[in-house]
Structures are given as structure tokens and as C-alpha cells.
């Protein structure tokens, strides 16, 4: 994670933006050493396997996934 002051960001903005794009890390912008902004890169399109692969075979359905859930929501 990059931490940078507003004044340094202003002077190095293009360089910082390129670094964020290349590394995928985020930046925290500070004002008087207090965090005020977070700059995060947009996520690239990922495949279903990349997004949910870690959960494959680990999810259990107790009823058909098309079953309405309105009763559950009215109880809240």
C-alpha cells in the first residue's frame, strides 16, 4: 500500500496512478498525516472460476436455490 500526502500526490500524480495500475495496490492520501482518501484500481474482469473457485465443493444448499425467500425477509 502506498501512503502519500496531498502535496506529493499533486506533484507525482501521473507516476502514482501508473504504479497503482501496474501493481494493483491501493494508495492512501493523507492531509496533515491524517488519511483522507483511498485510491484503488478498478478490478479487471475475472472468470467465474477466479472469482468463486475457492468455494467450489464447499457450499451446501438445503433447498432448491429457486425457492422464494420472502418469509425469511419478513421475519427481519
PDB file of N, CA and C in Angstrom:
ATOM      1  N   UNK A   1       0.845  -1.171   0.000  1.00  0.00           N
ATOM      2  CA  UNK A   1       0.000   0.000   0.000  1.00  0.00           C
ATOM      3  C   UNK A   1       0.892   1.236   0.000  1.00  0.00           C
ATOM      4  N   UNK A   2       0.500   2.186  -0.808  1.00  0.00           N
ATOM      5  CA  UNK A   2       1.225   3.443  -0.906  1.00  0.00           C
ATOM      6  C   UNK A   2       0.547   4.451   0.015  1.00  0.00           C
ATOM      7  N   UNK A   3       1.336   5.195   0.763  1.00  0.00           N
ATOM      8  CA  UNK A   3       0.810   6.305   1.554  1.00  0.00           C
ATOM      9  C   UNK A   3       1.520   7.558   1.070  1.00  0.00           C
ATOM     10  N   UNK A   4       0.735   8.566   0.709  1.00  0.00           N
ATOM     11  CA  UNK A   4       1.313   9.783   0.136  1.00  0.00           C
ATOM     12  C   UNK A   4       0.502  10.996   0.574  1.00  0.00           C
ATOM     13  N   UNK A   5       1.182  12.097   0.792  1.00  0.00           N
ATOM     14  CA  UNK A   5       0.496  13.332   1.180  1.00  0.00           C
ATOM     15  C   UNK A   5      -0.157  13.967  -0.046  1.00  0.00           C
ATOM     16  N   UNK A   6      -1.136  14.815   0.196  1.00  0.00           N
ATOM     17  CA  UNK A   6      -1.811  15.510  -0.908  1.00  0.00           C
ATOM     18  C   UNK A   6      -0.816  16.293  -1.758  1.00  0.00           C
ATOM     19  N   UNK A   7       0.103  16.979  -1.117  1.00  0.00           N
ATOM     20  CA  UNK A   7       1.052  17.803  -1.872  1.00  0.00           C
ATOM     21  C   UNK A   7       1.965  16.953  -2.754  1.00  0.00           C
ATOM     22  N   UNK A   8       2.431  15.816  -2.234  1.00  0.00           N
ATOM     23  CA  UNK A   8       3.273  14.936  -3.057  1.00  0.00           C
ATOM     24  C   UNK A   8       2.460  14.274  -4.163  1.00  0.00           C
ATOM     25  N   UNK A   9       1.204  13.945  -3.866  1.00  0.00           N
ATOM     26  CA  UNK A   9       0.345  13.362  -4.894  1.00  0.00           C
ATOM     27  C   UNK A   9       0.171  14.332  -6.046  1.00  0.00           C
ATOM     28  N   UNK A  10      -0.040  15.590  -5.731  1.00  0.00           N
ATOM     29  CA  UNK A  10      -0.222  16.602  -6.773  1.00  0.00           C
ATOM     30  C   UNK A  10       1.007  16.651  -7.683  1.00  0.00           C
ATOM     31  N   UNK A  11       2.176  16.591  -7.105  1.00  0.00           N
ATOM     32  CA  UNK A  11       3.410  16.686  -7.881  1.00  0.00           C
ATOM     33  C   UNK A  11       3.722  15.404  -8.649  1.00  0.00           C
ATOM     34  N   UNK A  12       3.260  14.242  -8.146  1.00  0.00           N
ATOM     35  CA  UNK A  12       3.634  12.950  -8.735  1.00  0.00           C
ATOM     36  C   UNK A  12       2.421  12.143  -9.182  1.00  0.00           C
ATOM     37  N   UNK A  13       1.300  12.791  -9.437  1.00  0.00           N
ATOM     38  CA  UNK A  13       0.044  12.088  -9.674  1.00  0.00           C
ATOM     39  C   UNK A  13       0.134  11.057 -10.802  1.00  0.00           C
ATOM     40  N   UNK A  14       0.637  11.440 -11.952  1.00  0.00           N
ATOM     41  CA  UNK A  14       0.694  10.505 -13.075  1.00  0.00           C
ATOM     42  C   UNK A  14       1.560   9.292 -12.739  1.00  0.00           C
ATOM     43  N   UNK A  15       2.683   9.522 -12.103  1.00  0.00           N
ATOM     44  CA  UNK A  15       3.573   8.426 -11.700  1.00  0.00           C
ATOM     45  C   UNK A  15       2.870   7.492 -10.706  1.00  0.00           C
ATOM     46  N   UNK A  16       2.184   8.051  -9.723  1.00  0.00           N
ATOM     47  CA  UNK A  16       1.466   7.247  -8.730  1.00  0.00           C
ATOM     48  C   UNK A  16       0.349   6.459  -9.390  1.00  0.00           C
ATOM     49  N   UNK A  17      -0.416   7.104 -10.272  1.00  0.00           N
ATOM     50  CA  UNK A  17      -1.503   6.406 -10.969  1.00  0.00           C
ATOM     51  C   UNK A  17      -0.965   5.237 -11.786  1.00  0.00           C
ATOM     52  N   UNK A  18       0.143   5.433 -12.471  1.00  0.00           N
ATOM     53  CA  UNK A  18       0.740   4.334 -13.259  1.00  0.00           C
ATOM     54  C   UNK A  18       1.177   3.192 -12.348  1.00  0.00           C
ATOM     55  N   UNK A  19       1.744   3.532 -11.202  1.00  0.00           N
ATOM     56  CA  UNK A  19       2.175   2.499 -10.255  1.00  0.00           C
ATOM     57  C   UNK A  19       0.972   1.692  -9.754  1.00  0.00           C
ATOM     58  N   UNK A  20      -0.109   2.380  -9.443  1.00  0.00           N
ATOM     59  CA  UNK A  20      -1.323   1.693  -8.977  1.00  0.00           C
ATOM     60  C   UNK A  20      -1.864   0.772 -10.064  1.00  0.00           C
ATOM     61  N   UNK A  21      -1.888   1.249 -11.306  1.00  0.00           N
ATOM     62  CA  UNK A  21      -2.369   0.425 -12.421  1.00  0.00           C
ATOM     63  C   UNK A  21      -1.506  -0.820 -12.603  1.00  0.00           C
ATOM     64  N   UNK A  22      -0.195  -0.670 -12.510  1.00  0.00           N
ATOM     65  CA  UNK A  22       0.712  -1.787 -12.752  1.00  0.00           C
ATOM     66  C   UNK A  22       0.727  -2.795 -11.613  1.00  0.00           C
ATOM     67  N   UNK A  23       0.702  -2.324 -10.386  1.00  0.00           N
ATOM     68  CA  UNK A  23       0.841  -3.231  -9.250  1.00  0.00           C
ATOM     69  C   UNK A  23      -0.494  -3.722  -8.701  1.00  0.00           C
ATOM     70  N   UNK A  24      -1.564  -2.946  -8.927  1.00  0.00           N
ATOM     71  CA  UNK A  24      -2.859  -3.320  -8.378  1.00  0.00           C
ATOM     72  C   UNK A  24      -3.018  -2.951  -6.910  1.00  0.00           C
ATOM     73  N   UNK A  25      -1.994  -2.334  -6.329  1.00  0.00           N
ATOM     74  CA  UNK A  25      -2.104  -1.930  -4.931  1.00  0.00           C
ATOM     75  C   UNK A  25      -2.875  -0.615  -4.827  1.00  0.00           C
ATOM     76  N   UNK A  26      -3.313  -0.283  -3.641  1.00  0.00           N
ATOM     77  CA  UNK A  26      -4.051   0.955  -3.457  1.00  0.00           C
ATOM     78  C   UNK A  26      -3.165   1.992  -2.791  1.00  0.00           C
ATOM     79  N   UNK A  27      -3.637   3.244  -2.832  1.00  0.00           N
ATOM     80  CA  UNK A  27      -2.895   4.342  -2.211  1.00  0.00           C
ATOM     81  C   UNK A  27      -3.800   5.047  -1.213  1.00  0.00           C
ATOM     82  N   UNK A  28      -3.212   5.441  -0.111  1.00  0.00           N
ATOM     83  CA  UNK A  28      -3.902   6.248   0.891  1.00  0.00           C
ATOM     84  C   UNK A  28      -3.298   7.645   0.817  1.00  0.00           C
ATOM     85  N   UNK A  29      -4.163   8.629   0.652  1.00  0.00           N
ATOM     86  CA  UNK A  29      -3.724  10.018   0.572  1.00  0.00           C
ATOM     87  C   UNK A  29      -3.967  10.664   1.930  1.00  0.00           C
ATOM     88  N   UNK A  30      -2.950  11.378   2.412  1.00  0.00           N
ATOM     89  CA  UNK A  30      -3.053  11.993   3.736  1.00  0.00           C
ATOM     90  C   UNK A  30      -3.078  13.514   3.629  1.00  0.00           C
ATOM     91  N   UNK A  31      -3.671  14.127   4.641  1.00  0.00           N
ATOM     92  CA  UNK A  31      -3.680  15.574   4.798  1.00  0.00           C
ATOM     93  C   UNK A  31      -3.281  15.834   6.243  1.00  0.00           C
ATOM     94  N   UNK A  32      -2.125  16.467   6.436  1.00  0.00           N
ATOM     95  CA  UNK A  32      -1.569  16.651   7.786  1.00  0.00           C
ATOM     96  C   UNK A  32      -1.446  15.315   8.519  1.00  0.00           C
ATOM     97  N   UNK A  33      -0.956  14.304   7.805  1.00  0.00           N
ATOM     98  CA  UNK A  33      -0.708  12.945   8.315  1.00  0.00           C
ATOM     99  C   UNK A  33      -1.984  12.206   8.727  1.00  0.00           C
ATOM    100  N   UNK A  34      -3.133  12.703   8.289  1.00  0.00           N
ATOM    101  CA  UNK A  34      -4.419  12.043   8.576  1.00  0.00           C
ATOM    102  C   UNK A  34      -4.962  11.472   7.265  1.00  0.00           C
ATOM    103  N   UNK A  35      -5.283  10.186   7.196  1.00  0.00           N
ATOM    104  CA  UNK A  35      -5.809   9.604   5.966  1.00  0.00           C
ATOM    105  C   UNK A  35      -7.130  10.259   5.563  1.00  0.00           C
ATOM    106  N   UNK A  36      -7.226  10.675   4.296  1.00  0.00           N
ATOM    107  CA  UNK A  36      -8.442  11.333   3.825  1.00  0.00           C
ATOM    108  C   UNK A  36      -9.013  10.711   2.553  1.00  0.00           C
ATOM    109  N   UNK A  37      -8.205  10.030   1.778  1.00  0.00           N
ATOM    110  CA  UNK A  37      -8.657   9.424   0.525  1.00  0.00           C
ATOM    111  C   UNK A  37      -8.010   8.060   0.322  1.00  0.00           C
ATOM    112  N   UNK A  38      -8.735   7.214  -0.398  1.00  0.00           N
ATOM    113  CA  UNK A  38      -8.174   5.923  -0.806  1.00  0.00           C
ATOM    114  C   UNK A  38      -8.326   5.834  -2.326  1.00  0.00           C
ATOM    115  N   UNK A  39      -7.241   5.535  -2.994  1.00  0.00           N
ATOM    116  CA  UNK A  39      -7.270   5.351  -4.445  1.00  0.00           C
ATOM    117  C   UNK A  39      -7.072   3.866  -4.707  1.00  0.00           C
ATOM    118  N   UNK A  40      -8.061   3.252  -5.346  1.00  0.00           N
ATOM    119  CA  UNK A  40      -7.977   1.817  -5.635  1.00  0.00           C
ATOM    120  C   UNK A  40      -8.115   1.589  -7.129  1.00  0.00           C
ATOM    121  N   UNK A  41      -7.381   0.627  -7.651  1.00  0.00           N
ATOM    122  CA  UNK A  41      -7.515   0.329  -9.081  1.00  0.00           C
ATOM    123  C   UNK A  41      -8.838  -0.389  -9.340  1.00  0.00           C
ATOM    124  N   UNK A  42      -9.375  -0.187 -10.526  1.00  0.00           N
ATOM    125  CA  UNK A  42     -10.562  -0.932 -10.917  1.00  0.00           C
ATOM    126  C   UNK A  42     -10.175  -2.380 -11.128  1.00  0.00           C
ATOM    127  N   UNK A  43     -11.041  -3.269 -10.728  1.00  0.00           N
ATOM    128  CA  UNK A  43     -10.776  -4.698 -10.888  1.00  0.00           C
ATOM    129  C   UNK A  43     -10.993  -5.086 -12.344  1.00  0.00           C
ATOM    130  N   UNK A  44     -10.111  -5.898 -12.840  1.00  0.00           N
ATOM    131  CA  UNK A  44     -10.283  -6.390 -14.205  1.00  0.00           C
ATOM    132  C   UNK A  44     -11.360  -7.456 -14.211  1.00  0.00           C
ATOM    133  N   UNK A  45     -11.890  -7.751 -15.377  1.00  0.00           N
ATOM    134  CA  UNK A  45     -12.888  -8.817 -15.477  1.00  0.00           C
ATOM    135  C   UNK A  45     -12.235 -10.138 -15.113  1.00  0.00           C
ATOM    136  N   UNK A  46     -12.875 -10.874 -14.244  1.00  0.00           N
ATOM    137  CA  UNK A  46     -12.352 -12.167 -13.834  1.00  0.00           C
ATOM    138  C   UNK A  46     -13.320 -13.259 -14.255  1.00  0.00           C
ATOM    139  N   UNK A  47     -12.798 -14.442 -14.432  1.00  0.00           N
ATOM    140  CA  UNK A  47     -13.646 -15.572 -14.793  1.00  0.00           C
ATOM    141  C   UNK A  47     -14.415 -16.035 -13.558  1.00  0.00           C
ATOM    142  N   UNK A  48     -15.449 -16.816 -13.795  1.00  0.00           N
ATOM    143  CA  UNK A  48     -16.225 -17.368 -12.679  1.00  0.00           C
ATOM    144  C   UNK A  48     -15.319 -18.205 -11.787  1.00  0.00           C
ATOM    145  N   UNK A  49     -14.433 -18.976 -12.393  1.00  0.00           N
ATOM    146  CA  UNK A  49     -13.533 -19.818 -11.608  1.00  0.00           C
ATOM    147  C   UNK A  49     -12.592 -18.970 -10.742  1.00  0.00           C
ATOM    148  N   UNK A  50     -12.079 -17.861 -11.284  1.00  0.00           N
ATOM    149  CA  UNK A  50     -11.209 -16.995 -10.494  1.00  0.00           C
ATOM    150  C   UNK A  50     -11.962 -16.376  -9.314  1.00  0.00           C
ATOM    151  N   UNK A  51     -13.208 -15.996  -9.548  1.00  0.00           N
ATOM    152  CA  UNK A  51     -13.991 -15.333  -8.505  1.00  0.00           C
ATOM    153  C   UNK A  51     -14.484 -16.305  -7.441  1.00  0.00           C
ATOM    154  N   UNK A  52     -14.929 -17.500  -7.862  1.00  0.00           N
ATOM    155  CA  UNK A  52     -15.593 -18.414  -6.935  1.00  0.00           C
ATOM    156  C   UNK A  52     -14.910 -19.773  -6.801  1.00  0.00           C
ATOM    157  N   UNK A  53     -13.786 -19.959  -7.439  1.00  0.00           N
ATOM    158  CA  UNK A  53     -13.103 -21.249  -7.431  1.00  0.00           C
ATOM    159  C   UNK A  53     -12.780 -21.774  -6.045  1.00  0.00           C
ATOM    160  N   UNK A  54     -12.453 -20.889  -5.123  1.00  0.00           N
ATOM    161  CA  UNK A  54     -12.112 -21.313  -3.767  1.00  0.00           C
ATOM    162  C   UNK A  54     -13.307 -21.922  -3.042  1.00  0.00           C
ATOM    163  N   UNK A  55     -14.518 -21.622  -3.504  1.00  0.00           N
ATOM    164  CA  UNK A  55     -15.728 -22.129  -2.845  1.00  0.00           C
ATOM    165  C   UNK A  55     -16.273 -23.399  -3.494  1.00  0.00           C
ATOM    166  N   UNK A  56     -15.684 -23.802  -4.608  1.00  0.00           N
ATOM    167  CA  UNK A  56     -16.176 -24.978  -5.319  1.00  0.00           C
ATOM    168  C   UNK A  56     -16.148 -26.205  -4.414  1.00  0.00           C
ATOM    169  N   UNK A  57     -17.303 -26.863  -4.304  1.00  0.00           N
ATOM    170  CA  UNK A  57     -17.428 -28.052  -3.480  1.00  0.00           C
ATOM    171  C   UNK A  57     -17.573 -27.767  -1.994  1.00  0.00           C
ATOM    172  N   UNK A  58     -17.622 -26.511  -1.597  1.00  0.00           N
ATOM    173  CA  UNK A  58     -17.693 -26.164  -0.185  1.00  0.00           C
ATOM    174  C   UNK A  58     -19.040 -25.564   0.218  1.00  0.00           C
ATOM    175  N   UNK A  59     -19.925 -25.352  -0.760  1.00  0.00           N
ATOM    176  CA  UNK A  59     -21.227 -24.757  -0.475  1.00  0.00           C
ATOM    177  C   UNK A  59     -22.293 -25.843  -0.486  1.00  0.00           C
ATOM    178  N   UNK A  60     -23.154 -25.802   0.514  1.00  0.00           N
ATOM    179  CA  UNK A  60     -24.224 -26.791   0.603  1.00  0.00           C
ATOM    180  C   UNK A  60     -25.561 -26.063   0.544  1.00  0.00           C
ATOM    181  N   UNK A  61     -26.451 -26.540  -0.313  1.00  0.00           N
ATOM    182  CA  UNK A  61     -27.792 -25.971  -0.426  1.00  0.00           C
ATOM    183  C   UNK A  61     -28.757 -26.868   0.325  1.00  0.00           C
ATOM    184  N   UNK A  62     -29.555 -26.305   1.213  1.00  0.00           N
ATOM    185  CA  UNK A  62     -30.522 -27.073   1.982  1.00  0.00           C
ATOM    186  C   UNK A  62     -31.874 -27.168   1.295  1.00  0.00           C
ATOM    187  N   UNK A  63     -32.055 -26.387   0.253  1.00  0.00           N
ATOM    188  CA  UNK A  63     -33.292 -26.415  -0.528  1.00  0.00           C
ATOM    189  C   UNK A  63     -32.954 -25.919  -1.925  1.00  0.00           C
ATOM    190  N   UNK A  64     -33.863 -26.088  -2.877  1.00  0.00           N
ATOM    191  CA  UNK A  64     -33.568 -25.591  -4.226  1.00  0.00           C
ATOM    192  C   UNK A  64     -33.257 -24.085  -4.196  1.00  0.00           C
ATOM    193  N   UNK A  65     -32.279 -23.673  -4.991  1.00  0.00           N
ATOM    194  CA  UNK A  65     -31.876 -22.264  -4.958  1.00  0.00           C
ATOM    195  C   UNK A  65     -32.944 -21.338  -5.528  1.00  0.00           C
ATOM    196  N   UNK A  66     -33.955 -21.889  -6.174  1.00  0.00           N
ATOM    197  CA  UNK A  66     -35.035 -21.059  -6.710  1.00  0.00           C
ATOM    198  C   UNK A  66     -36.184 -20.874  -5.717  1.00  0.00           C
ATOM    199  N   UNK A  67     -36.074 -21.434  -4.528  1.00  0.00           N
ATOM    200  CA  UNK A  67     -37.112 -21.295  -3.511  1.00  0.00           C
ATOM    201  C   UNK A  67     -37.196 -19.842  -3.062  1.00  0.00           C
ATOM    202  N   UNK A  68     -38.408 -19.258  -3.038  1.00  0.00           N
ATOM    203  CA  UNK A  68     -38.533 -17.854  -2.586  1.00  0.00           C
ATOM    204  C   UNK A  68     -38.059 -17.683  -1.143  1.00  0.00           C
ATOM    205  N   UNK A  69     -37.518 -16.536  -0.851  1.00  0.00           N
ATOM    206  CA  UNK A  69     -37.017 -16.274   0.492  1.00  0.00           C
ATOM    207  C   UNK A  69     -37.791 -15.160   1.200  1.00  0.00           C
ATOM    208  N   UNK A  70     -38.977 -14.867   0.717  1.00  0.00           N
ATOM    209  CA  UNK A  70     -39.744 -13.740   1.294  1.00  0.00           C
ATOM    210  C   UNK A  70     -40.069 -13.968   2.753  1.00  0.00           C
ATOM    211  N   UNK A  71     -40.305 -15.196   3.176  1.00  0.00           N
ATOM    212  CA  UNK A  71     -40.624 -15.473   4.579  1.00  0.00           C
ATOM    213  C   UNK A  71     -39.425 -15.088   5.447  1.00  0.00           C
ATOM    214  N   UNK A  72     -38.224 -15.394   5.006  1.00  0.00           N
ATOM    215  CA  UNK A  72     -37.037 -15.046   5.775  1.00  0.00           C
ATOM    216  C   UNK A  72     -36.915 -13.535   5.938  1.00  0.00           C
ATOM    217  N   UNK A  73     -37.191 -12.792   4.906  1.00  0.00           N
ATOM    218  CA  UNK A  73     -37.028 -11.344   4.951  1.00  0.00           C
ATOM    219  C   UNK A  73     -38.112 -10.658   5.771  1.00  0.00           C
ATOM    220  N   UNK A  74     -39.292 -11.206   5.800  1.00  0.00           N
ATOM    221  CA  UNK A  74     -40.345 -10.567   6.597  1.00  0.00           C
ATOM    222  C   UNK A  74     -40.088 -10.759   8.084  1.00  0.00           C
ATOM    223  N   UNK A  75     -39.306 -11.747   8.451  1.00  0.00           N
ATOM    224  CA  UNK A  75     -39.026 -12.005   9.860  1.00  0.00           C
ATOM    225  C   UNK A  75     -37.988 -11.028  10.408  1.00  0.00           C
ATOM    226  N   UNK A  76     -37.271 -10.369   9.545  1.00  0.00           N
ATOM    227  CA  UNK A  76     -36.191  -9.477   9.979  1.00  0.00           C
ATOM    228  C   UNK A  76     -36.713  -8.161  10.454  1.00  0.00           C
TER     229      UNK A  76
END
